[in-house]
């Protein structure tokens, strides 16, 4: 599947979830999972960029990540940090249209997808 088709499929799923949420009259943080690579975990969250950045900061603090560095560059916010065990974590947050934010997480130099997925779930808990 080409990258363009993956993006269109992700957008279609996100729009369908958004429509279903709007029709029920309630708001919940929803997630449409996309795949950047086998080692990264990427999710589109139905929350504003600022809220996701704040939730990410809180997650990093509460889970005791060290040497947290944050850099905002246009629609992107990047975090670099270290786990208590000395492993690296890289987080890229990108502002998307319609109050949607894409979060990419990579734990370790080569990535640990299950651990990165758990980290995204921790961010969602704090939204």
Protein backbone atom coordinates (compact mmCIF):
# COMPACT_ATOMS: atom_id res chain seq x y z
CA UNK A 1 0.00 0.00 0.00
CA UNK A 2 1.46 3.35 -0.95
CA UNK A 3 2.10 6.06 1.61
CA UNK A 4 -0.58 8.27 0.00
CA UNK A 5 -3.19 5.51 0.30
CA UNK A 6 -2.22 4.86 3.94
CA UNK A 7 -2.70 8.55 4.74
CA UNK A 8 -6.08 8.58 2.97
CA UNK A 9 -7.16 5.42 4.79
CA UNK A 10 -6.09 6.89 8.12
CA UNK A 11 -7.97 10.09 7.37
CA UNK A 12 -11.10 8.14 6.40
CA UNK A 13 -10.99 6.13 9.63
CA UNK A 14 -10.42 9.28 11.66
CA UNK A 15 -13.34 11.05 9.98
CA UNK A 16 -15.61 8.06 10.55
CA UNK A 17 -14.69 7.93 14.23
CA UNK A 18 -15.18 11.70 14.53
CA UNK A 19 -18.61 11.50 12.93
CA UNK A 20 -19.66 8.62 15.19
CA UNK A 21 -18.49 10.54 18.26
CA UNK A 22 -20.33 13.69 17.19
CA UNK A 23 -23.56 11.76 16.53
CA UNK A 24 -23.55 10.22 20.00
CA UNK A 25 -23.33 13.65 21.61
CA UNK A 26 -20.39 12.76 23.82
CA UNK A 27 -16.70 13.43 23.54
CA UNK A 28 -14.01 10.86 24.11
CA UNK A 29 -10.36 10.76 23.19
CA UNK A 30 -10.21 8.54 20.15
CA UNK A 31 -7.21 7.10 18.44
CA UNK A 32 -6.53 6.08 14.86
CA UNK A 33 -3.32 4.09 14.72
CA UNK A 34 -1.00 4.47 11.78
CA UNK A 35 2.32 2.79 11.20
CA UNK A 36 5.50 4.76 10.50
CA UNK A 37 7.73 1.71 10.87
CA UNK A 38 7.86 -1.56 12.71
CA UNK A 39 9.78 0.05 15.58
CA UNK A 40 7.79 3.29 16.04
CA UNK A 41 4.27 3.68 17.36
CA UNK A 42 2.20 6.42 15.74
CA UNK A 43 -1.31 7.44 16.75
CA UNK A 44 -3.67 10.24 15.75
CA UNK A 45 -5.42 11.62 18.83
CA UNK A 46 -8.60 13.70 18.77
CA UNK A 47 -7.21 16.46 20.96
CA UNK A 48 -5.52 19.78 20.34
CA UNK A 49 -1.76 20.02 19.95
CA UNK A 50 -1.42 22.02 23.19
CA UNK A 51 -3.36 19.44 25.21
CA UNK A 52 -1.30 16.56 23.82
CA UNK A 53 1.97 18.42 24.54
CA UNK A 54 0.84 19.12 28.12
CA UNK A 55 -0.21 15.48 28.60
CA UNK A 56 3.15 14.33 27.21
CA UNK A 57 5.05 16.58 29.65
CA UNK A 58 2.97 15.22 32.52
CA UNK A 59 3.54 11.62 31.39
CA UNK A 60 7.30 12.13 31.15
CA UNK A 61 7.38 13.70 34.62
CA UNK A 62 5.13 11.14 36.33
CA UNK A 63 6.97 8.20 34.78
CA UNK A 64 10.29 9.72 35.91
CA UNK A 65 11.98 10.21 32.57
CA UNK A 66 15.26 12.13 32.86
CA UNK A 67 17.05 14.77 30.78
CA UNK A 68 13.85 15.83 29.03
CA UNK A 69 14.49 18.22 26.16
CA UNK A 70 11.58 19.91 24.38
CA UNK A 71 11.77 21.80 21.09
CA UNK A 72 8.89 23.36 19.15
CA UNK A 73 9.39 24.00 15.45
CA UNK A 74 6.29 25.14 13.54
CA UNK A 75 3.58 22.46 13.77
CA UNK A 76 5.96 20.01 15.49
CA UNK A 77 6.94 19.59 19.11
CA UNK A 78 9.84 17.21 19.73
CA UNK A 79 10.81 15.58 23.01
CA UNK A 80 14.03 13.70 23.74
CA UNK A 81 14.39 12.01 27.10
CA UNK A 82 16.04 9.12 28.93
CA UNK A 83 14.37 6.33 30.88
CA UNK A 84 15.50 5.54 34.42
CA UNK A 85 17.39 2.59 32.95
CA UNK A 86 19.28 4.84 30.51
CA UNK A 87 17.28 4.09 27.36
CA UNK A 88 16.43 6.85 24.91
CA UNK A 89 12.91 7.94 24.01
CA UNK A 90 11.98 10.19 21.11
CA UNK A 91 8.50 11.73 20.77
CA UNK A 92 7.27 13.80 17.83
CA UNK A 93 3.94 15.59 18.14
CA UNK A 94 2.44 17.13 15.02
CA UNK A 95 -0.56 19.41 14.76
CA UNK A 96 -3.13 18.18 12.19
CA UNK A 97 -6.41 19.73 11.00
CA UNK A 98 -9.72 19.31 12.85
CA UNK A 99 -8.28 19.32 16.40
CA UNK A 100 -6.29 16.19 15.68
CA UNK A 101 -2.72 15.61 16.75
CA UNK A 102 -0.32 12.90 15.55
CA UNK A 103 2.03 11.39 18.12
CA UNK A 104 5.04 9.29 17.14
CA UNK A 105 6.94 7.53 19.92
CA UNK A 106 10.18 5.53 19.66
CA UNK A 107 11.79 3.91 22.69
CA UNK A 108 15.41 2.91 22.31
CA UNK A 109 17.77 3.33 19.37
CA UNK A 110 16.09 0.58 17.38
CA UNK A 111 12.60 1.08 18.80
CA UNK A 112 10.38 -0.93 21.10
CA UNK A 113 6.91 -0.78 19.57
CA UNK A 114 4.98 -2.37 22.48
CA UNK A 115 6.61 -0.04 25.01
CA UNK A 116 5.95 2.94 22.73
CA UNK A 117 2.28 1.91 22.43
CA UNK A 118 1.99 1.79 26.23
CA UNK A 119 3.50 5.28 26.40
CA UNK A 120 0.83 6.61 24.01
CA UNK A 121 -1.85 5.01 26.22
CA UNK A 122 -0.33 6.86 29.20
CA UNK A 123 -0.57 10.13 27.26
CA UNK A 124 -4.23 9.38 26.46
CA UNK A 125 -4.98 8.83 30.18
CA UNK A 126 -3.77 12.36 30.91
CA UNK A 127 -5.83 14.10 28.23
